[in-house]
Amino acid sequence: MTHSTRTVLLAQVFISAMMATLMTGVFGMLNLGPTPAFLAHWGGNILTAWPIAFVFSLGVGPIAFKLAHQINRLLP
């Protein structure tokens, strides 16, 4: 595994973890409010969402970078 490939994979691990934590937190708070029930469920929701977010990030990451490069070439 090359250094750049390892860096991309590690970045996807961190990005997906942060996004899973933030998104489950935001939507859990919207659904349950700041209650003990929210806190009781949040950890489990993160553990469910994180691997899904990681797989999705591996799929959409290259597409997003390709789009960003194409748009960047068009900008002055």
C-alpha atoms as a PDB file:
ATOM      1  CA  MET A   1       0.000   0.000   0.000  1.00  0.00           C
ATOM      2  CA  THR A   2       1.421   3.348  -0.992  1.00  0.00           C
ATOM      3  CA  HIS A   3       1.751   6.230   1.416  1.00  0.00           C
ATOM      4  CA  SER A   4      -0.904   8.286  -0.433  1.00  0.00           C
ATOM      5  CA  THR A   5      -3.373   5.371  -0.486  1.00  0.00           C
ATOM      6  CA  ARG A   6      -2.897   4.859   3.250  1.00  0.00           C
ATOM      7  CA  THR A   7      -3.397   8.587   3.836  1.00  0.00           C
ATOM      8  CA  VAL A   8      -6.661   8.581   1.856  1.00  0.00           C
ATOM      9  CA  LEU A   9      -7.949   5.545   3.748  1.00  0.00           C
ATOM     10  CA  LEU A  10      -7.035   7.034   7.121  1.00  0.00           C
ATOM     11  CA  ALA A  11      -8.680  10.320   6.156  1.00  0.00           C
ATOM     12  CA  GLN A  12     -11.840   8.402   5.178  1.00  0.00           C
ATOM     13  CA  VAL A  13     -11.816   6.630   8.561  1.00  0.00           C
ATOM     14  CA  PHE A  14     -11.621   9.977  10.379  1.00  0.00           C
ATOM     15  CA  ILE A  15     -14.094  11.768   8.106  1.00  0.00           C
ATOM     16  CA  SER A  16     -16.662   8.973   8.290  1.00  0.00           C
ATOM     17  CA  ALA A  17     -16.306   8.757  12.084  1.00  0.00           C
ATOM     18  CA  MET A  18     -16.792  12.490  12.505  1.00  0.00           C
ATOM     19  CA  MET A  19     -19.725  12.607  10.096  1.00  0.00           C
ATOM     20  CA  ALA A  20     -21.411   9.564  11.680  1.00  0.00           C
ATOM     21  CA  THR A  21     -21.000  11.122  15.129  1.00  0.00           C
ATOM     22  CA  LEU A  22     -22.283  14.527  14.060  1.00  0.00           C
ATOM     23  CA  MET A  23     -25.179  13.284  11.923  1.00  0.00           C
ATOM     24  CA  THR A  24     -26.458  10.753  14.470  1.00  0.00           C
ATOM     25  CA  GLY A  25     -26.104  13.429  17.144  1.00  0.00           C
ATOM     26  CA  VAL A  26     -28.005  16.075  15.205  1.00  0.00           C
ATOM     27  CA  PHE A  27     -30.826  13.812  14.081  1.00  0.00           C
ATOM     28  CA  GLY A  28     -31.031  12.010  17.411  1.00  0.00           C
ATOM     29  CA  MET A  29     -31.321  15.360  19.155  1.00  0.00           C
ATOM     30  CA  LEU A  30     -34.011  16.486  16.705  1.00  0.00           C
ATOM     31  CA  ASN A  31     -36.017  13.309  17.263  1.00  0.00           C
ATOM     32  CA  LEU A  32     -35.597  12.812  21.004  1.00  0.00           C
ATOM     33  CA  GLY A  33     -34.418  16.167  22.294  1.00  0.00           C
ATOM     34  CA  PRO A  34     -31.707  16.553  24.927  1.00  0.00           C
ATOM     35  CA  THR A  35     -32.913  13.622  27.007  1.00  0.00           C
ATOM     36  CA  PRO A  36     -31.304  10.643  28.703  1.00  0.00           C
ATOM     37  CA  ALA A  37     -32.916   8.472  25.983  1.00  0.00           C
ATOM     38  CA  PHE A  38     -30.952  10.379  23.345  1.00  0.00           C
ATOM     39  CA  LEU A  39     -27.675   9.733  25.157  1.00  0.00           C
ATOM     40  CA  ALA A  40     -28.571   6.076  25.715  1.00  0.00           C
ATOM     41  CA  HIS A  41     -29.109   5.491  21.991  1.00  0.00           C
ATOM     42  CA  TRP A  42     -26.468   7.777  20.485  1.00  0.00           C
ATOM     43  CA  GLY A  43     -23.479   5.486  21.044  1.00  0.00           C
ATOM     44  CA  GLY A  44     -25.179   2.514  19.408  1.00  0.00           C
ATOM     45  CA  ASN A  45     -26.293   4.662  16.512  1.00  0.00           C
ATOM     46  CA  ILE A  46     -22.723   5.853  15.948  1.00  0.00           C
ATOM     47  CA  LEU A  47     -21.456   2.262  15.890  1.00  0.00           C
ATOM     48  CA  THR A  48     -24.110   1.372  13.314  1.00  0.00           C
ATOM     49  CA  ALA A  49     -23.617   4.471  11.163  1.00  0.00           C
ATOM     50  CA  TRP A  50     -19.803   4.583  11.126  1.00  0.00           C
ATOM     51  CA  PRO A  51     -19.090   1.501   8.972  1.00  0.00           C
ATOM     52  CA  ILE A  52     -21.883   2.470   6.595  1.00  0.00           C
ATOM     53  CA  ALA A  53     -20.504   5.999   6.307  1.00  0.00           C
ATOM     54  CA  PHE A  54     -17.000   4.602   5.720  1.00  0.00           C
ATOM     55  CA  VAL A  55     -18.125   2.375   2.837  1.00  0.00           C
ATOM     56  CA  PHE A  56     -20.142   5.208   1.313  1.00  0.00           C
ATOM     57  CA  SER A  57     -17.201   7.607   1.653  1.00  0.00           C
ATOM     58  CA  LEU A  58     -14.972   5.190  -0.257  1.00  0.00           C
ATOM     59  CA  GLY A  59     -17.520   5.213  -3.069  1.00  0.00           C
ATOM     60  CA  VAL A  60     -18.320   8.898  -3.250  1.00  0.00           C
ATOM     61  CA  GLY A  61     -14.855  10.212  -2.333  1.00  0.00           C
ATOM     62  CA  PRO A  62     -13.300   9.646  -5.765  1.00  0.00           C
ATOM     63  CA  ILE A  63     -16.373  11.105  -7.471  1.00  0.00           C
ATOM     64  CA  ALA A  64     -16.228  14.202  -5.262  1.00  0.00           C
ATOM     65  CA  PHE A  65     -12.513  14.727  -5.936  1.00  0.00           C
ATOM     66  CA  LYS A  66     -13.029  14.305  -9.680  1.00  0.00           C
ATOM     67  CA  LEU A  67     -15.860  16.852  -9.658  1.00  0.00           C
ATOM     68  CA  ALA A  68     -13.804  19.264  -7.557  1.00  0.00           C
ATOM     69  CA  HIS A  69     -10.853  19.005  -9.973  1.00  0.00           C
ATOM     70  CA  GLN A  70     -13.100  19.548 -12.993  1.00  0.00           C
ATOM     71  CA  ILE A  71     -14.823  22.571 -11.456  1.00  0.00           C
ATOM     72  CA  ASN A  72     -11.518  24.001 -10.247  1.00  0.00           C
ATOM     73  CA  ARG A  73     -10.144  23.900 -13.790  1.00  0.00           C
ATOM     74  CA  LEU A  74     -13.086  25.998 -14.976  1.00  0.00           C
ATOM     75  CA  LEU A  75     -12.614  28.693 -12.351  1.00  0.00           C
ATOM     76  CA  PRO A  76     -10.255  31.615 -12.903  1.00  0.00           C
END
